[in-house]
Amino acid sequence: METTRQNRIARLIQKELSDIFQKQTSAMRGVLVSVCTCRISPDMSVCRAYLSVFPSDRAAEIIQNINKNQRQVRFELGNRVGKQLRIIPELKFFVDDSLDYAEHIDELLKK
């Protein structure tokens, strides 16, 4: 169970990452990246961010690109929240495919 502090920091990181990705993907037409959830470890050193990518067929490519540039994203995050956090957590990005899963279940139920 996550503590109140973990939840506050996770929401802060989620908000800032959303803003970072919105600015980075504005140059890429037809691609939308949103941060669904962030989970932070109890020692505040690792943050797992779950990203939803539209269109979903390019999700693996975009997540791979984000993971490749993870250091730059962490640096940008550090510039934004450096006054609020003592340690900027290591970022790990994963695809959040819950919307695709729900759509698949909905299609199965319609048959």
Protein backbone atom coordinates (compact mmCIF):
# COMPACT_ATOMS: atom_id res chain seq x y z
CA MET A 1 0.00 0.00 0.00
CA GLU A 2 1.36 3.37 -1.00
CA THR A 3 1.76 6.16 1.51
CA THR A 4 0.33 9.64 1.16
CA ARG A 5 3.79 11.00 0.35
CA GLN A 6 4.28 8.44 -2.42
CA ASN A 7 0.92 9.35 -3.92
CA ARG A 8 1.68 13.09 -3.83
CA ILE A 9 5.06 12.64 -5.48
CA ALA A 10 3.65 10.23 -8.06
CA ARG A 11 0.94 12.76 -9.01
CA LEU A 12 3.53 15.54 -9.26
CA ILE A 13 5.75 13.44 -11.52
CA GLN A 14 2.74 12.37 -13.61
CA LYS A 15 1.72 15.99 -14.17
CA GLU A 16 5.21 17.13 -15.11
CA LEU A 17 5.87 14.13 -17.40
CA SER A 18 2.55 14.79 -19.15
CA ASP A 19 3.62 18.35 -19.83
CA ILE A 20 7.07 17.25 -21.05
CA PHE A 21 5.61 14.68 -23.46
CA GLN A 22 2.97 17.09 -24.69
CA LYS A 23 5.68 19.57 -25.68
CA GLN A 24 7.93 16.90 -27.22
CA THR A 25 5.20 15.25 -29.29
CA SER A 26 3.71 18.51 -30.56
CA ALA A 27 6.18 18.33 -33.47
CA MET A 28 5.05 14.79 -34.35
CA ARG A 29 1.73 15.02 -36.17
CA GLY A 30 -0.86 12.39 -35.34
CA VAL A 31 0.84 11.06 -32.18
CA LEU A 32 -0.53 11.51 -28.69
CA VAL A 33 1.30 10.32 -25.56
CA SER A 34 -0.44 10.53 -22.21
CA VAL A 35 0.79 9.46 -18.79
CA CYS A 36 -1.88 7.21 -17.28
CA THR A 37 -0.33 6.43 -13.91
CA CYS A 38 2.94 6.74 -12.06
CA ARG A 39 4.01 4.45 -9.25
CA ILE A 40 6.97 5.33 -7.09
CA SER A 41 8.99 2.96 -4.93
CA PRO A 42 8.91 3.36 -1.13
CA ASP A 43 12.45 4.78 -1.08
CA MET A 44 11.49 7.32 -3.81
CA SER A 45 14.32 6.18 -6.08
CA VAL A 46 12.41 4.50 -8.93
CA CYS A 47 9.29 5.70 -10.70
CA ARG A 48 7.35 3.45 -13.07
CA ALA A 49 5.37 5.52 -15.56
CA TYR A 50 2.63 3.88 -17.63
CA LEU A 51 2.08 5.65 -20.95
CA SER A 52 -0.84 5.42 -23.30
CA VAL A 53 0.09 6.04 -26.94
CA PHE A 54 -2.26 6.90 -29.77
CA PRO A 55 -2.16 5.37 -32.37
CA SER A 56 -1.55 2.15 -30.49
CA ASP A 57 0.22 0.44 -33.42
CA ARG A 58 3.20 2.81 -32.90
CA ALA A 59 3.29 2.32 -29.12
CA ALA A 60 6.28 -0.03 -29.03
CA GLU A 61 8.34 2.25 -31.27
CA ILE A 62 7.55 5.37 -29.24
CA ILE A 63 8.16 3.71 -25.86
CA GLN A 64 11.48 2.39 -27.14
CA ASN A 65 12.41 5.91 -28.27
CA ILE A 66 11.40 7.37 -24.89
CA ASN A 67 13.43 4.73 -23.03
CA LYS A 68 16.41 5.53 -25.25
CA ASN A 69 16.12 9.22 -24.29
CA GLN A 70 15.29 8.51 -20.65
CA ARG A 71 18.26 10.51 -19.35
CA GLN A 72 17.09 13.66 -21.13
CA VAL A 73 13.55 13.22 -19.80
CA ARG A 74 14.90 12.76 -16.27
CA PHE A 75 17.05 15.89 -16.66
CA GLU A 76 14.04 17.91 -17.81
CA LEU A 77 11.99 16.51 -14.91
CA GLY A 78 14.79 17.46 -12.52
CA ASN A 79 14.75 21.04 -13.80
CA ARG A 80 11.02 21.24 -13.12
CA VAL A 81 10.75 19.54 -9.71
CA GLY A 82 14.29 19.96 -8.39
CA LYS A 83 13.15 22.43 -5.72
CA GLN A 84 10.47 20.04 -4.44
CA LEU A 85 12.32 16.71 -4.42
CA ARG A 86 15.65 15.87 -2.90
CA ILE A 87 16.35 12.99 -5.30
CA ILE A 88 14.95 12.80 -8.82
CA PRO A 89 13.84 9.18 -9.24
CA GLU A 90 15.06 6.88 -11.98
CA LEU A 91 12.34 6.66 -14.63
CA LYS A 92 11.07 3.47 -16.23
CA PHE A 93 8.44 3.67 -18.94
CA PHE A 94 5.88 1.00 -19.83
CA VAL A 95 2.97 0.79 -22.25
CA ASP A 96 -0.46 1.05 -20.62
CA ASP A 97 -2.63 -1.11 -22.84
CA SER A 98 -5.70 -1.14 -20.58
CA LEU A 99 -7.77 0.79 -23.15
CA ASP A 100 -6.91 -1.70 -25.89
CA TYR A 101 -7.73 -4.55 -23.52
CA ALA A 102 -11.11 -3.01 -22.64
CA GLU A 103 -11.88 -2.50 -26.32
CA HIS A 104 -11.00 -6.13 -27.04
CA ILE A 105 -13.29 -7.35 -24.24
CA ASP A 106 -16.07 -5.11 -25.55
CA GLU A 107 -15.69 -6.62 -29.04
CA LEU A 108 -15.83 -10.12 -27.59
CA LEU A 109 -19.01 -9.33 -25.67
CA LYS A 110 -20.72 -7.95 -28.79
CA LYS A 111 -20.30 -11.24 -30.67
